[in-house]
């Protein structure tokens, strides 16, 4: 049963990110900032650190596909981005697994990479007409603060959940 905890948590975060979070934040026209949650990316980096590159790529591709199908008109942006994040930010070394500061830094770099990847791609194909400085001040910085705060808040509960899932997996292997 514990093997379903992490996919369920990521699915709940996907729903929160795409629907519920949009209801609790003020509309873009009332304030000059846009908060974009990237909670799924943070969880993919967690999975990459604790379970390895293969697991994070699988989760990244699966939830990227779900995100593309449900929330976007352009298929492939999230599946490639989440899969690449899963591949590039999976470090399973013991020294990295024990470092809170490195985890948070890795998550911020992953979110920043995805934000600029998405902005650059949408700018290239003409979906957005935002200027780079407007994007940076009104969307990138507020989103980074939001995602950093989320990563700090869920760090220890998710780390405990991951250790529980690993312990249960070791018991099943016996």
N, C-alpha and C. Protein backbone atom coordinates (compact mmCIF):
# COMPACT_ATOMS: atom_id res chain seq x y z
N UNK A 1 0.81 -1.20 0.00
CA UNK A 1 0.00 0.00 0.00
C UNK A 1 0.85 1.26 0.00
N UNK A 2 2.00 1.19 0.64
CA UNK A 2 2.82 2.39 0.75
C UNK A 2 3.42 2.81 -0.58
N UNK A 3 3.45 1.93 -1.56
CA UNK A 3 4.01 2.30 -2.86
C UNK A 3 3.12 3.28 -3.60
N UNK A 4 1.88 3.46 -3.16
CA UNK A 4 0.98 4.41 -3.79
C UNK A 4 0.98 5.77 -3.12
N UNK A 5 1.68 5.93 -2.02
CA UNK A 5 1.69 7.21 -1.30
C UNK A 5 2.30 8.33 -2.13
N UNK A 6 3.44 8.08 -2.73
CA UNK A 6 4.13 9.14 -3.47
C UNK A 6 3.38 9.52 -4.74
N UNK A 7 2.93 8.56 -5.58
CA UNK A 7 2.14 8.98 -6.75
C UNK A 7 0.86 9.71 -6.36
N UNK A 8 0.23 9.28 -5.28
CA UNK A 8 -0.99 9.96 -4.83
C UNK A 8 -0.68 11.39 -4.39
N UNK A 9 0.42 11.55 -3.65
CA UNK A 9 0.81 12.89 -3.22
C UNK A 9 1.11 13.79 -4.42
N UNK A 10 1.82 13.28 -5.40
CA UNK A 10 2.13 14.09 -6.58
C UNK A 10 0.86 14.42 -7.35
N UNK A 11 -0.06 13.48 -7.44
CA UNK A 11 -1.33 13.77 -8.11
C UNK A 11 -2.11 14.85 -7.38
N UNK A 12 -2.14 14.78 -6.06
CA UNK A 12 -2.83 15.81 -5.28
C UNK A 12 -2.16 17.17 -5.49
N UNK A 13 -0.83 17.20 -5.52
CA UNK A 13 -0.13 18.45 -5.78
C UNK A 13 -0.41 18.98 -7.18
N UNK A 14 -0.54 18.08 -8.15
CA UNK A 14 -0.88 18.48 -9.51
C UNK A 14 -2.26 19.14 -9.54
N UNK A 15 -3.20 18.57 -8.83
CA UNK A 15 -4.55 19.14 -8.78
C UNK A 15 -4.53 20.49 -8.06
N UNK A 16 -3.80 20.56 -6.95
CA UNK A 16 -3.69 21.83 -6.21
C UNK A 16 -3.04 22.89 -7.08
N UNK A 17 -2.00 22.51 -7.78
CA UNK A 17 -1.25 23.44 -8.63
C UNK A 17 -2.10 23.99 -9.76
N UNK A 18 -2.93 23.16 -10.34
CA UNK A 18 -3.68 23.57 -11.52
C UNK A 18 -5.06 24.13 -11.25
N UNK A 19 -5.65 23.81 -10.11
CA UNK A 19 -7.03 24.26 -9.89
C UNK A 19 -7.18 25.04 -8.58
N UNK A 20 -6.97 24.38 -7.49
CA UNK A 20 -7.25 24.98 -6.19
C UNK A 20 -6.37 26.21 -5.94
N UNK A 21 -5.10 26.13 -6.30
CA UNK A 21 -4.20 27.26 -6.08
C UNK A 21 -4.66 28.48 -6.88
N UNK A 22 -5.21 28.26 -8.06
CA UNK A 22 -5.66 29.37 -8.89
C UNK A 22 -6.88 30.06 -8.27
N UNK A 23 -7.63 29.35 -7.46
CA UNK A 23 -8.80 29.94 -6.81
C UNK A 23 -8.44 30.79 -5.60
N UNK A 24 -7.34 30.47 -4.92
CA UNK A 24 -6.99 31.20 -3.70
C UNK A 24 -6.05 32.36 -3.94
N UNK A 25 -5.49 32.49 -5.13
CA UNK A 25 -4.63 33.63 -5.44
C UNK A 25 -5.45 34.70 -6.15
N UNK A 26 -5.08 35.96 -5.95
CA UNK A 26 -5.82 37.02 -6.64
C UNK A 26 -5.56 36.99 -8.15
N UNK A 27 -6.52 37.45 -8.93
CA UNK A 27 -6.32 37.48 -10.38
C UNK A 27 -5.15 38.39 -10.77
N UNK A 28 -4.57 38.12 -11.93
CA UNK A 28 -3.40 38.85 -12.39
C UNK A 28 -3.68 40.33 -12.59
N UNK A 29 -4.89 40.70 -12.95
CA UNK A 29 -5.18 42.10 -13.22
C UNK A 29 -5.33 42.93 -11.94
N UNK A 30 -5.46 42.31 -10.76
CA UNK A 30 -5.56 43.06 -9.51
C UNK A 30 -4.20 43.39 -8.92
N UNK A 31 -3.21 42.56 -9.18
CA UNK A 31 -1.86 42.80 -8.68
C UNK A 31 -0.87 42.66 -9.83
N UNK A 32 0.34 43.16 -9.63
CA UNK A 32 1.33 43.15 -10.70
C UNK A 32 2.23 41.93 -10.69
N UNK A 33 1.89 40.91 -9.94
CA UNK A 33 2.70 39.71 -9.91
C UNK A 33 1.83 38.50 -10.25
N UNK A 34 2.49 37.48 -10.79
CA UNK A 34 1.80 36.24 -11.10
C UNK A 34 2.53 35.11 -10.37
N UNK A 35 1.81 34.42 -9.51
CA UNK A 35 2.39 33.30 -8.76
C UNK A 35 2.12 32.01 -9.53
N UNK A 36 3.21 31.32 -9.88
CA UNK A 36 3.09 30.07 -10.61
C UNK A 36 3.67 28.95 -9.76
N UNK A 37 2.81 28.10 -9.21
CA UNK A 37 3.34 27.00 -8.38
C UNK A 37 3.94 25.91 -9.26
N UNK A 38 5.05 25.39 -8.83
CA UNK A 38 5.71 24.26 -9.51
C UNK A 38 5.97 23.16 -8.48
N UNK A 39 4.91 22.76 -7.80
CA UNK A 39 5.03 21.79 -6.72
C UNK A 39 5.42 20.41 -7.25
N UNK A 40 4.96 20.07 -8.45
CA UNK A 40 5.29 18.77 -9.03
C UNK A 40 6.78 18.68 -9.33
N UNK A 41 7.36 19.76 -9.80
CA UNK A 41 8.80 19.77 -10.08
C UNK A 41 9.59 19.55 -8.79
N UNK A 42 9.16 20.17 -7.72
CA UNK A 42 9.84 20.00 -6.44
C UNK A 42 9.78 18.53 -6.01
N UNK A 43 8.65 17.90 -6.19
CA UNK A 43 8.53 16.48 -5.84
C UNK A 43 9.36 15.59 -6.76
N UNK A 44 9.46 15.94 -8.02
CA UNK A 44 10.29 15.16 -8.95
C UNK A 44 11.75 15.24 -8.54
N UNK A 45 12.19 16.39 -8.10
CA UNK A 45 13.57 16.52 -7.62
C UNK A 45 13.76 15.70 -6.34
N UNK A 46 12.79 15.74 -5.43
CA UNK A 46 12.85 14.89 -4.24
C UNK A 46 12.99 13.42 -4.61
N UNK A 47 12.20 12.98 -5.56
CA UNK A 47 12.25 11.58 -5.99
C UNK A 47 13.60 11.26 -6.61
N UNK A 48 14.12 12.18 -7.40
CA UNK A 48 15.42 11.97 -8.02
C UNK A 48 16.53 11.85 -7.00
N UNK A 49 16.47 12.63 -5.95
CA UNK A 49 17.50 12.58 -4.91
C UNK A 49 17.42 11.28 -4.13
N UNK A 50 16.22 10.84 -3.80
CA UNK A 50 16.08 9.70 -2.89
C UNK A 50 15.87 8.35 -3.58
N UNK A 51 15.32 8.34 -4.78
CA UNK A 51 15.05 7.07 -5.44
C UNK A 51 15.87 6.85 -6.70
N UNK A 52 16.51 7.87 -7.19
CA UNK A 52 17.36 7.69 -8.36
C UNK A 52 16.79 8.29 -9.62
N UNK A 53 17.62 8.27 -10.63
CA UNK A 53 17.32 8.91 -11.90
C UNK A 53 16.17 8.23 -12.64
N UNK A 54 16.13 6.91 -12.64
CA UNK A 54 15.09 6.19 -13.37
C UNK A 54 13.70 6.54 -12.84
N UNK A 55 13.55 6.51 -11.52
CA UNK A 55 12.24 6.81 -10.92
C UNK A 55 11.82 8.25 -11.21
N UNK A 56 12.75 9.18 -11.11
CA UNK A 56 12.38 10.58 -11.34
C UNK A 56 12.03 10.84 -12.80
N UNK A 57 12.69 10.15 -13.72
CA UNK A 57 12.33 10.31 -15.14
C UNK A 57 10.93 9.76 -15.39
N UNK A 58 10.64 8.60 -14.82
CA UNK A 58 9.31 7.99 -15.01
C UNK A 58 8.23 8.90 -14.44
N UNK A 59 8.42 9.39 -13.22
CA UNK A 59 7.44 10.31 -12.63
C UNK A 59 7.34 11.60 -13.44
N UNK A 60 8.47 12.11 -13.89
CA UNK A 60 8.46 13.33 -14.68
C UNK A 60 7.71 13.17 -15.98
N UNK A 61 7.96 12.08 -16.69
CA UNK A 61 7.26 11.84 -17.95
C UNK A 61 5.76 11.60 -17.73
N UNK A 62 5.43 10.81 -16.72
CA UNK A 62 4.02 10.50 -16.47
C UNK A 62 3.23 11.74 -16.07
N UNK A 63 3.75 12.50 -15.12
CA UNK A 63 2.99 13.67 -14.68
C UNK A 63 3.11 14.84 -15.66
N UNK A 64 4.17 14.87 -16.44
CA UNK A 64 4.26 15.85 -17.52
C UNK A 64 3.20 15.60 -18.58
N UNK A 65 2.98 14.32 -18.91
CA UNK A 65 1.95 13.96 -19.87
C UNK A 65 0.56 14.33 -19.34
N UNK A 66 0.31 14.02 -18.07
CA UNK A 66 -0.98 14.38 -17.47
C UNK A 66 -1.17 15.89 -17.50
N UNK A 67 -0.14 16.62 -17.13
CA UNK A 67 -0.21 18.09 -17.12
C UNK A 67 -0.48 18.62 -18.53
N UNK A 68 0.23 18.08 -19.54
CA UNK A 68 0.02 18.52 -20.91
C UNK A 68 -1.41 18.25 -21.38
N UNK A 69 -1.93 17.09 -21.08
CA UNK A 69 -3.27 16.73 -21.55
C UNK A 69 -4.34 17.56 -20.86
N UNK A 70 -4.19 17.77 -19.56
CA UNK A 70 -5.26 18.43 -18.81
C UNK A 70 -5.20 19.95 -18.90
N UNK A 71 -4.01 20.55 -18.80
CA UNK A 71 -3.91 21.99 -18.60
C UNK A 71 -3.40 22.80 -19.79
N UNK A 72 -2.83 22.20 -20.81
CA UNK A 72 -2.25 23.01 -21.88
C UNK A 72 -2.82 22.62 -23.24
N UNK A 73 -2.66 23.52 -24.20
CA UNK A 73 -3.08 23.24 -25.56
C UNK A 73 -1.92 22.71 -26.40
N UNK A 74 -0.69 22.89 -25.91
CA UNK A 74 0.50 22.51 -26.65
C UNK A 74 1.10 21.26 -26.01
N UNK A 75 0.91 20.11 -26.62
CA UNK A 75 1.40 18.87 -26.05
C UNK A 75 2.92 18.76 -26.20
N UNK A 76 3.55 18.30 -25.14
CA UNK A 76 4.97 18.05 -25.18
C UNK A 76 5.83 18.98 -24.36
N UNK A 77 5.34 20.15 -24.04
CA UNK A 77 6.14 21.12 -23.29
C UNK A 77 6.42 20.59 -21.89
N UNK A 78 5.41 20.17 -21.19
CA UNK A 78 5.59 19.70 -19.81
C UNK A 78 6.19 18.30 -19.76
N UNK A 79 5.82 17.43 -20.68
CA UNK A 79 6.38 16.08 -20.64
C UNK A 79 7.89 16.13 -20.85
N UNK A 80 8.35 16.94 -21.78
CA UNK A 80 9.79 17.06 -21.99
C UNK A 80 10.45 17.77 -20.83
N UNK A 81 9.84 18.87 -20.37
CA UNK A 81 10.43 19.64 -19.28
C UNK A 81 10.52 18.85 -17.99
N UNK A 82 9.44 18.18 -17.61
CA UNK A 82 9.46 17.39 -16.37
C UNK A 82 10.40 16.20 -16.50
N UNK A 83 10.41 15.56 -17.66
CA UNK A 83 11.32 14.44 -17.87
C UNK A 83 12.78 14.88 -17.80
N UNK A 84 13.07 16.01 -18.41
CA UNK A 84 14.44 16.54 -18.36
C UNK A 84 14.83 16.92 -16.94
N UNK A 85 13.92 17.54 -16.21
CA UNK A 85 14.19 17.89 -14.80
C UNK A 85 14.47 16.61 -14.01
N UNK A 86 13.68 15.58 -14.24
CA UNK A 86 13.89 14.30 -13.57
C UNK A 86 15.24 13.70 -13.89
N UNK A 87 15.70 13.88 -15.11
CA UNK A 87 17.00 13.33 -15.51
C UNK A 87 18.15 14.18 -14.98
N UNK A 88 18.04 15.48 -15.11
CA UNK A 88 19.16 16.37 -14.81
C UNK A 88 19.38 16.61 -13.33
N UNK A 89 18.35 16.51 -12.53
CA UNK A 89 18.48 16.87 -11.12
C UNK A 89 18.35 15.66 -10.19
N UNK A 90 18.75 14.51 -10.65
CA UNK A 90 18.72 13.30 -9.82
C UNK A 90 20.13 12.98 -9.36
N UNK A 91 20.41 13.31 -8.12
CA UNK A 91 21.72 13.02 -7.53
C UNK A 91 21.49 12.13 -6.31
N UNK A 92 21.94 10.91 -6.37
CA UNK A 92 21.65 9.95 -5.30
C UNK A 92 22.83 9.72 -4.37
N UNK A 93 23.81 10.58 -4.40
CA UNK A 93 24.96 10.42 -3.51
C UNK A 93 24.56 10.65 -2.07
N UNK A 94 25.13 9.92 -1.16
CA UNK A 94 24.77 10.00 0.26
C UNK A 94 25.01 11.40 0.82
N UNK A 95 26.08 12.07 0.41
CA UNK A 95 26.36 13.41 0.92
C UNK A 95 25.26 14.39 0.50
N UNK A 96 24.72 14.19 -0.68
CA UNK A 96 23.66 15.07 -1.17
C UNK A 96 22.34 14.74 -0.48
N UNK A 97 22.09 13.47 -0.19
CA UNK A 97 20.83 13.09 0.44
C UNK A 97 20.69 13.66 1.84
N UNK A 98 21.78 13.98 2.49
CA UNK A 98 21.72 14.47 3.86
C UNK A 98 21.78 15.99 3.97
N UNK A 99 21.87 16.71 2.89
CA UNK A 99 22.09 18.15 2.92
C UNK A 99 20.80 18.92 2.61
N UNK A 100 20.22 19.55 3.61
CA UNK A 100 19.01 20.35 3.44
C UNK A 100 19.27 21.52 2.50
N UNK A 101 20.38 22.20 2.69
CA UNK A 101 20.69 23.37 1.88
C UNK A 101 20.85 22.98 0.41
N UNK A 102 21.53 21.88 0.14
CA UNK A 102 21.71 21.46 -1.24
C UNK A 102 20.39 21.03 -1.87
N UNK A 103 19.53 20.38 -1.11
CA UNK A 103 18.21 20.00 -1.64
C UNK A 103 17.43 21.24 -2.06
N UNK A 104 17.38 22.22 -1.18
CA UNK A 104 16.61 23.43 -1.48
C UNK A 104 17.21 24.18 -2.67
N UNK A 105 18.53 24.24 -2.73
CA UNK A 105 19.19 24.89 -3.86
C UNK A 105 18.90 24.14 -5.16
N UNK A 106 18.96 22.83 -5.11
CA UNK A 106 18.67 22.01 -6.29
C UNK A 106 17.24 22.22 -6.76
N UNK A 107 16.31 22.30 -5.83
CA UNK A 107 14.91 22.52 -6.19
C UNK A 107 14.71 23.90 -6.83
N UNK A 108 15.37 24.91 -6.28
CA UNK A 108 15.26 26.25 -6.85
C UNK A 108 15.84 26.31 -8.26
N UNK A 109 16.98 25.68 -8.46
CA UNK A 109 17.59 25.66 -9.79
C UNK A 109 16.69 24.90 -10.77
N UNK A 110 16.08 23.82 -10.33
CA UNK A 110 15.18 23.05 -11.19
C UNK A 110 13.96 23.88 -11.59
N UNK A 111 13.36 24.58 -10.63
CA UNK A 111 12.20 25.41 -10.93
C UNK A 111 12.60 26.56 -11.84
N UNK A 112 13.73 27.19 -11.57
CA UNK A 112 14.20 28.29 -12.42
C UNK A 112 14.48 27.81 -13.84
N UNK A 113 15.09 26.65 -13.96
CA UNK A 113 15.37 26.09 -15.29
C UNK A 113 14.09 25.84 -16.06
N UNK A 114 13.10 25.26 -15.39
CA UNK A 114 11.84 24.99 -16.07
C UNK A 114 11.13 26.28 -16.44
N UNK A 115 11.13 27.27 -15.56
CA UNK A 115 10.47 28.54 -15.86
C UNK A 115 11.08 29.19 -17.11
N UNK A 116 12.40 29.23 -17.18
CA UNK A 116 13.04 29.84 -18.35
C UNK A 116 12.90 28.98 -19.60
N UNK A 117 12.90 27.68 -19.44
CA UNK A 117 12.64 26.79 -20.57
C UNK A 117 11.26 27.07 -21.15
N UNK A 118 10.26 27.12 -20.28
CA UNK A 118 8.89 27.34 -20.74
C UNK A 118 8.73 28.73 -21.34
N UNK A 119 9.29 29.75 -20.69
CA UNK A 119 9.18 31.11 -21.21
C UNK A 119 9.86 31.22 -22.57
N UNK A 120 11.05 30.66 -22.69
CA UNK A 120 11.78 30.73 -23.96
C UNK A 120 11.05 30.02 -25.08
N UNK A 121 10.50 28.86 -24.79
CA UNK A 121 9.77 28.11 -25.80
C UNK A 121 8.50 28.84 -26.22
N UNK A 122 7.74 29.35 -25.26
CA UNK A 122 6.52 30.08 -25.59
C UNK A 122 6.83 31.38 -26.32
N UNK A 123 7.92 32.03 -25.98
CA UNK A 123 8.33 33.25 -26.69
C UNK A 123 8.74 32.91 -28.12
N UNK A 124 9.44 31.80 -28.29
CA UNK A 124 9.91 31.38 -29.61
C UNK A 124 8.76 31.08 -30.57
N UNK A 125 7.73 30.41 -30.08
CA UNK A 125 6.62 30.05 -30.98
C UNK A 125 5.48 31.07 -30.96
N UNK A 126 5.64 32.14 -30.19
CA UNK A 126 4.68 33.24 -30.24
C UNK A 126 3.47 33.11 -29.36
N UNK A 127 3.50 32.25 -28.36
CA UNK A 127 2.36 32.13 -27.45
C UNK A 127 2.34 33.28 -26.46
N UNK A 128 3.49 33.76 -26.05
CA UNK A 128 3.56 34.88 -25.12
C UNK A 128 4.27 36.05 -25.77
N UNK A 129 3.90 37.24 -25.33
CA UNK A 129 4.58 38.44 -25.82
C UNK A 129 5.19 39.24 -24.67
N UNK A 130 5.37 38.59 -23.53
CA UNK A 130 6.00 39.23 -22.37
C UNK A 130 7.45 39.57 -22.68
N UNK A 131 7.88 40.72 -22.22
CA UNK A 131 9.29 41.07 -22.30
C UNK A 131 10.04 40.33 -21.21
N UNK A 132 11.34 40.12 -21.40
CA UNK A 132 12.13 39.34 -20.46
C UNK A 132 12.19 40.00 -19.08
N UNK A 133 12.32 41.33 -19.03
CA UNK A 133 12.38 41.99 -17.73
C UNK A 133 11.04 41.95 -17.01
N UNK A 134 9.94 42.03 -17.73
CA UNK A 134 8.61 41.92 -17.12
C UNK A 134 8.41 40.51 -16.59
N UNK A 135 8.81 39.52 -17.38
CA UNK A 135 8.73 38.13 -16.94
C UNK A 135 9.53 37.93 -15.65
N UNK A 136 10.73 38.46 -15.61
CA UNK A 136 11.59 38.26 -14.46
C UNK A 136 10.99 38.87 -13.19
N UNK A 137 10.53 40.11 -13.27
CA UNK A 137 10.04 40.78 -12.05
C UNK A 137 8.62 40.42 -11.66
N UNK A 138 7.76 40.18 -12.64
CA UNK A 138 6.35 39.95 -12.31
C UNK A 138 5.97 38.48 -12.20
N UNK A 139 6.77 37.59 -12.77
CA UNK A 139 6.42 36.18 -12.71
C UNK A 139 7.51 35.32 -12.09
N UNK A 140 8.75 35.50 -12.52
CA UNK A 140 9.83 34.62 -12.09
C UNK A 140 10.14 34.78 -10.60
N UNK A 141 10.44 35.98 -10.16
CA UNK A 141 10.80 36.17 -8.74
C UNK A 141 9.68 35.79 -7.77
N UNK A 142 8.43 36.24 -7.98
CA UNK A 142 7.37 35.81 -7.06
C UNK A 142 7.16 34.29 -7.07
N UNK A 143 7.28 33.67 -8.23
CA UNK A 143 7.11 32.22 -8.31
C UNK A 143 8.24 31.50 -7.59
N UNK A 144 9.45 32.02 -7.71
CA UNK A 144 10.58 31.40 -7.01
C UNK A 144 10.39 31.48 -5.50
N UNK A 145 9.92 32.62 -5.01
CA UNK A 145 9.66 32.75 -3.57
C UNK A 145 8.58 31.80 -3.10
N UNK A 146 7.51 31.69 -3.87
CA UNK A 146 6.43 30.77 -3.53
C UNK A 146 6.92 29.33 -3.50
N UNK A 147 7.65 28.92 -4.51
CA UNK A 147 8.12 27.54 -4.58
C UNK A 147 9.18 27.24 -3.53
N UNK A 148 10.01 28.22 -3.20
CA UNK A 148 10.99 28.03 -2.13
C UNK A 148 10.27 27.84 -0.79
N UNK A 149 9.26 28.67 -0.53
CA UNK A 149 8.49 28.54 0.71
C UNK A 149 7.81 27.17 0.77
N UNK A 150 7.25 26.73 -0.33
CA UNK A 150 6.62 25.41 -0.37
C UNK A 150 7.63 24.31 -0.09
N UNK A 151 8.81 24.41 -0.70
CA UNK A 151 9.85 23.39 -0.50
C UNK A 151 10.29 23.34 0.96
N UNK A 152 10.41 24.48 1.59
CA UNK A 152 10.80 24.52 3.01
C UNK A 152 9.72 23.90 3.88
N UNK A 153 8.46 24.21 3.58
CA UNK A 153 7.35 23.71 4.40
C UNK A 153 7.20 22.19 4.28
N UNK A 154 7.35 21.64 3.09
CA UNK A 154 7.11 20.21 2.93
C UNK A 154 8.36 19.36 3.07
N UNK A 155 9.51 19.96 3.27
CA UNK A 155 10.77 19.22 3.25
C UNK A 155 10.76 18.04 4.23
N UNK A 156 10.55 18.30 5.50
CA UNK A 156 10.62 17.22 6.49
C UNK A 156 9.45 16.23 6.41
N UNK A 157 8.22 16.68 6.17
CA UNK A 157 7.16 15.68 6.00
C UNK A 157 7.39 14.74 4.80
N UNK A 158 7.86 15.29 3.69
CA UNK A 158 8.11 14.45 2.52
C UNK A 158 9.31 13.54 2.75
N UNK A 159 10.32 14.06 3.42
CA UNK A 159 11.48 13.22 3.72
C UNK A 159 11.07 12.04 4.62
N UNK A 160 10.19 12.30 5.59
CA UNK A 160 9.67 11.22 6.43
C UNK A 160 8.84 10.22 5.63
N UNK A 161 8.02 10.72 4.71
CA UNK A 161 7.22 9.84 3.87
C UNK A 161 8.12 8.98 2.98
N UNK A 162 9.15 9.58 2.43
CA UNK A 162 10.07 8.82 1.57
C UNK A 162 10.80 7.75 2.36
N UNK A 163 11.22 8.08 3.58
CA UNK A 163 11.90 7.06 4.39
C UNK A 163 10.93 5.93 4.76
N UNK A 164 9.67 6.25 5.02
CA UNK A 164 8.67 5.23 5.31
C UNK A 164 8.45 4.32 4.09
N UNK A 165 8.35 4.91 2.92
CA UNK A 165 8.15 4.13 1.70
C UNK A 165 9.35 3.23 1.44
N UNK A 166 10.56 3.75 1.64
CA UNK A 166 11.76 2.93 1.45
C UNK A 166 11.82 1.78 2.45
N UNK A 167 11.44 2.06 3.68
CA UNK A 167 11.44 1.01 4.70
C UNK A 167 10.44 -0.09 4.35
N UNK A 168 9.26 0.30 3.90
CA UNK A 168 8.26 -0.67 3.49
C UNK A 168 8.70 -1.47 2.27
N UNK A 169 9.40 -0.83 1.35
CA UNK A 169 9.91 -1.53 0.17
C UNK A 169 10.98 -2.54 0.57
N UNK A 170 11.81 -2.19 1.55
CA UNK A 170 12.82 -3.14 2.04
C UNK A 170 12.16 -4.33 2.72
N UNK A 171 11.08 -4.10 3.45
CA UNK A 171 10.35 -5.19 4.09
C UNK A 171 9.70 -6.11 3.06
N UNK A 172 9.19 -5.53 1.98
CA UNK A 172 8.57 -6.35 0.92
C UNK A 172 9.59 -7.21 0.20
N UNK A 173 10.82 -6.74 0.12
CA UNK A 173 11.86 -7.49 -0.60
C UNK A 173 12.35 -8.70 0.18
N UNK A 174 12.13 -8.75 1.46
CA UNK A 174 12.60 -9.86 2.27
C UNK A 174 11.85 -11.11 2.04
